[in-house]
Amino acid sequence: MVPISILLKKYKFFEQYAYGLVAMGILEFLGYWLQTSYVYPDNILDHTFNPQNFSLGMALFFALYFPAGNWLVEKIYGSIFSKKTI
């Protein structure tokens, strides 16, 4: 996810989210297809929704990591390397 986040950092928040949805959709699909993603048995969300909706919810949620992570890194970087003159 970090390389994708770096590629998306030049875009606005909602553009990052939209591209992040595409990326997470592909990553979720590949994870279940390659059987590298695992849904724990008796997962409350998996029982409340079905597995397809659970995967969609995961993609929608984790797509927020791209813009939120880039925003947080920008704030931390700005606070450390601010150009304040004393």
C-alpha atoms as a PDB file:
ATOM      1  CA  MET A   1       0.000   0.000   0.000  1.00  0.00           C
ATOM      2  CA  VAL A   2       2.911   2.368   0.616  1.00  0.00           C
ATOM      3  CA  PRO A   3       4.048   2.517  -3.048  1.00  0.00           C
ATOM      4  CA  ILE A   4       0.470   3.232  -4.127  1.00  0.00           C
ATOM      5  CA  SER A   5       0.198   5.921  -1.464  1.00  0.00           C
ATOM      6  CA  ILE A   6       3.396   7.579  -2.707  1.00  0.00           C
ATOM      7  CA  LEU A   7       2.081   7.551  -6.280  1.00  0.00           C
ATOM      8  CA  LEU A   8      -1.184   9.173  -5.167  1.00  0.00           C
ATOM      9  CA  LYS A   9       0.245  11.905  -2.907  1.00  0.00           C
ATOM     10  CA  LYS A  10       0.100  14.602  -5.614  1.00  0.00           C
ATOM     11  CA  TYR A  11      -3.686  14.249  -6.003  1.00  0.00           C
ATOM     12  CA  LYS A  12      -6.439  15.829  -3.916  1.00  0.00           C
ATOM     13  CA  PHE A  13      -8.092  13.922  -1.045  1.00  0.00           C
ATOM     14  CA  PHE A  14     -11.089  12.571  -2.953  1.00  0.00           C
ATOM     15  CA  GLU A  15      -9.015  11.702  -6.013  1.00  0.00           C
ATOM     16  CA  GLN A  16      -6.679   9.714  -3.773  1.00  0.00           C
ATOM     17  CA  TYR A  17      -9.704   7.938  -2.304  1.00  0.00           C
ATOM     18  CA  ALA A  18     -11.144   7.144  -5.739  1.00  0.00           C
ATOM     19  CA  TYR A  19      -7.854   5.754  -7.038  1.00  0.00           C
ATOM     20  CA  GLY A  20      -7.384   3.999  -3.695  1.00  0.00           C
ATOM     21  CA  LEU A  21     -10.735   2.253  -4.182  1.00  0.00           C
ATOM     22  CA  VAL A  22      -9.532   0.868  -7.494  1.00  0.00           C
ATOM     23  CA  ALA A  23      -6.239  -0.246  -5.965  1.00  0.00           C
ATOM     24  CA  MET A  24      -7.910  -1.813  -2.908  1.00  0.00           C
ATOM     25  CA  GLY A  25     -10.501  -3.548  -5.076  1.00  0.00           C
ATOM     26  CA  ILE A  26      -7.708  -5.173  -7.064  1.00  0.00           C
ATOM     27  CA  LEU A  27      -5.732  -6.030  -3.926  1.00  0.00           C
ATOM     28  CA  GLU A  28      -8.799  -7.542  -2.216  1.00  0.00           C
ATOM     29  CA  PHE A  29      -9.714  -9.541  -5.310  1.00  0.00           C
ATOM     30  CA  LEU A  30      -6.171 -10.873  -5.701  1.00  0.00           C
ATOM     31  CA  GLY A  31      -5.908 -11.624  -1.990  1.00  0.00           C
ATOM     32  CA  TYR A  32      -8.969 -13.864  -2.018  1.00  0.00           C
ATOM     33  CA  TRP A  33      -8.154 -15.365  -5.415  1.00  0.00           C
ATOM     34  CA  LEU A  34      -4.609 -16.265  -4.313  1.00  0.00           C
ATOM     35  CA  GLN A  35      -5.971 -17.289  -0.890  1.00  0.00           C
ATOM     36  CA  THR A  36      -3.563 -14.944   0.900  1.00  0.00           C
ATOM     37  CA  SER A  37      -6.434 -13.055   2.557  1.00  0.00           C
ATOM     38  CA  TYR A  38      -8.264 -14.798   5.341  1.00  0.00           C
ATOM     39  CA  VAL A  39     -11.626 -14.121   6.960  1.00  0.00           C
ATOM     40  CA  TYR A  40     -11.606 -15.426  10.514  1.00  0.00           C
ATOM     41  CA  PRO A  41     -14.362 -17.923  11.395  1.00  0.00           C
ATOM     42  CA  ASP A  42     -17.330 -16.515  13.338  1.00  0.00           C
ATOM     43  CA  ASN A  43     -16.444 -12.968  12.276  1.00  0.00           C
ATOM     44  CA  ILE A  44     -19.420 -10.803  13.304  1.00  0.00           C
ATOM     45  CA  LEU A  45     -19.206  -8.600  10.213  1.00  0.00           C
ATOM     46  CA  ASP A  46     -18.980 -11.621   7.926  1.00  0.00           C
ATOM     47  CA  HIS A  47     -22.108 -13.093   9.519  1.00  0.00           C
ATOM     48  CA  THR A  48     -24.001  -9.797   9.474  1.00  0.00           C
ATOM     49  CA  PHE A  49     -23.142  -9.194   5.836  1.00  0.00           C
ATOM     50  CA  ASN A  50     -22.212 -11.833   3.305  1.00  0.00           C
ATOM     51  CA  PRO A  51     -18.584 -12.401   2.203  1.00  0.00           C
ATOM     52  CA  GLN A  52     -18.979 -10.261  -0.925  1.00  0.00           C
ATOM     53  CA  ASN A  53     -20.296  -7.280   1.037  1.00  0.00           C
ATOM     54  CA  PHE A  54     -17.594  -7.823   3.650  1.00  0.00           C
ATOM     55  CA  SER A  55     -14.935  -7.558   0.917  1.00  0.00           C
ATOM     56  CA  LEU A  56     -16.574  -4.433  -0.465  1.00  0.00           C
ATOM     57  CA  GLY A  57     -16.632  -2.884   3.011  1.00  0.00           C
ATOM     58  CA  MET A  58     -12.963  -3.718   3.490  1.00  0.00           C
ATOM     59  CA  ALA A  59     -12.068  -2.027   0.190  1.00  0.00           C
ATOM     60  CA  LEU A  60     -14.165   1.048   1.047  1.00  0.00           C
ATOM     61  CA  PHE A  61     -12.587   1.335   4.497  1.00  0.00           C
ATOM     62  CA  PHE A  62      -8.966   0.687   3.575  1.00  0.00           C
ATOM     63  CA  ALA A  63      -9.123   3.025   0.562  1.00  0.00           C
ATOM     64  CA  LEU A  64      -9.228   5.801   3.172  1.00  0.00           C
ATOM     65  CA  TYR A  65      -5.719   4.815   4.242  1.00  0.00           C
ATOM     66  CA  PHE A  66      -4.222   6.443   1.130  1.00  0.00           C
ATOM     67  CA  PRO A  67      -5.515  10.012   1.581  1.00  0.00           C
ATOM     68  CA  ALA A  68      -5.517   9.841   5.391  1.00  0.00           C
ATOM     69  CA  GLY A  69      -1.959   8.503   5.498  1.00  0.00           C
ATOM     70  CA  ASN A  70      -0.708  11.087   3.024  1.00  0.00           C
ATOM     71  CA  TRP A  71      -2.420  13.858   5.002  1.00  0.00           C
ATOM     72  CA  LEU A  72      -0.850  12.645   8.248  1.00  0.00           C
ATOM     73  CA  VAL A  73       2.636  12.383   6.710  1.00  0.00           C
ATOM     74  CA  GLU A  74       2.257  15.890   5.266  1.00  0.00           C
ATOM     75  CA  LYS A  75       1.273  17.274   8.695  1.00  0.00           C
ATOM     76  CA  ILE A  76       4.137  15.519  10.502  1.00  0.00           C
ATOM     77  CA  TYR A  77       6.649  16.549   7.847  1.00  0.00           C
ATOM     78  CA  GLY A  78       5.381  20.135   7.996  1.00  0.00           C
ATOM     79  CA  SER A  79       5.694  20.254  11.777  1.00  0.00           C
ATOM     80  CA  ILE A  80       9.232  18.880  11.755  1.00  0.00           C
ATOM     81  CA  PHE A  81      10.601  20.798   8.773  1.00  0.00           C
ATOM     82  CA  SER A  82       8.620  24.008   9.009  1.00  0.00           C
ATOM     83  CA  LYS A  83      10.359  27.140   7.798  1.00  0.00           C
ATOM     84  CA  LYS A  84       9.944  29.192  10.948  1.00  0.00           C
ATOM     85  CA  THR A  85      12.442  31.935  11.495  1.00  0.00           C
ATOM     86  CA  ILE A  86      13.312  32.924  15.015  1.00  0.00           C
END
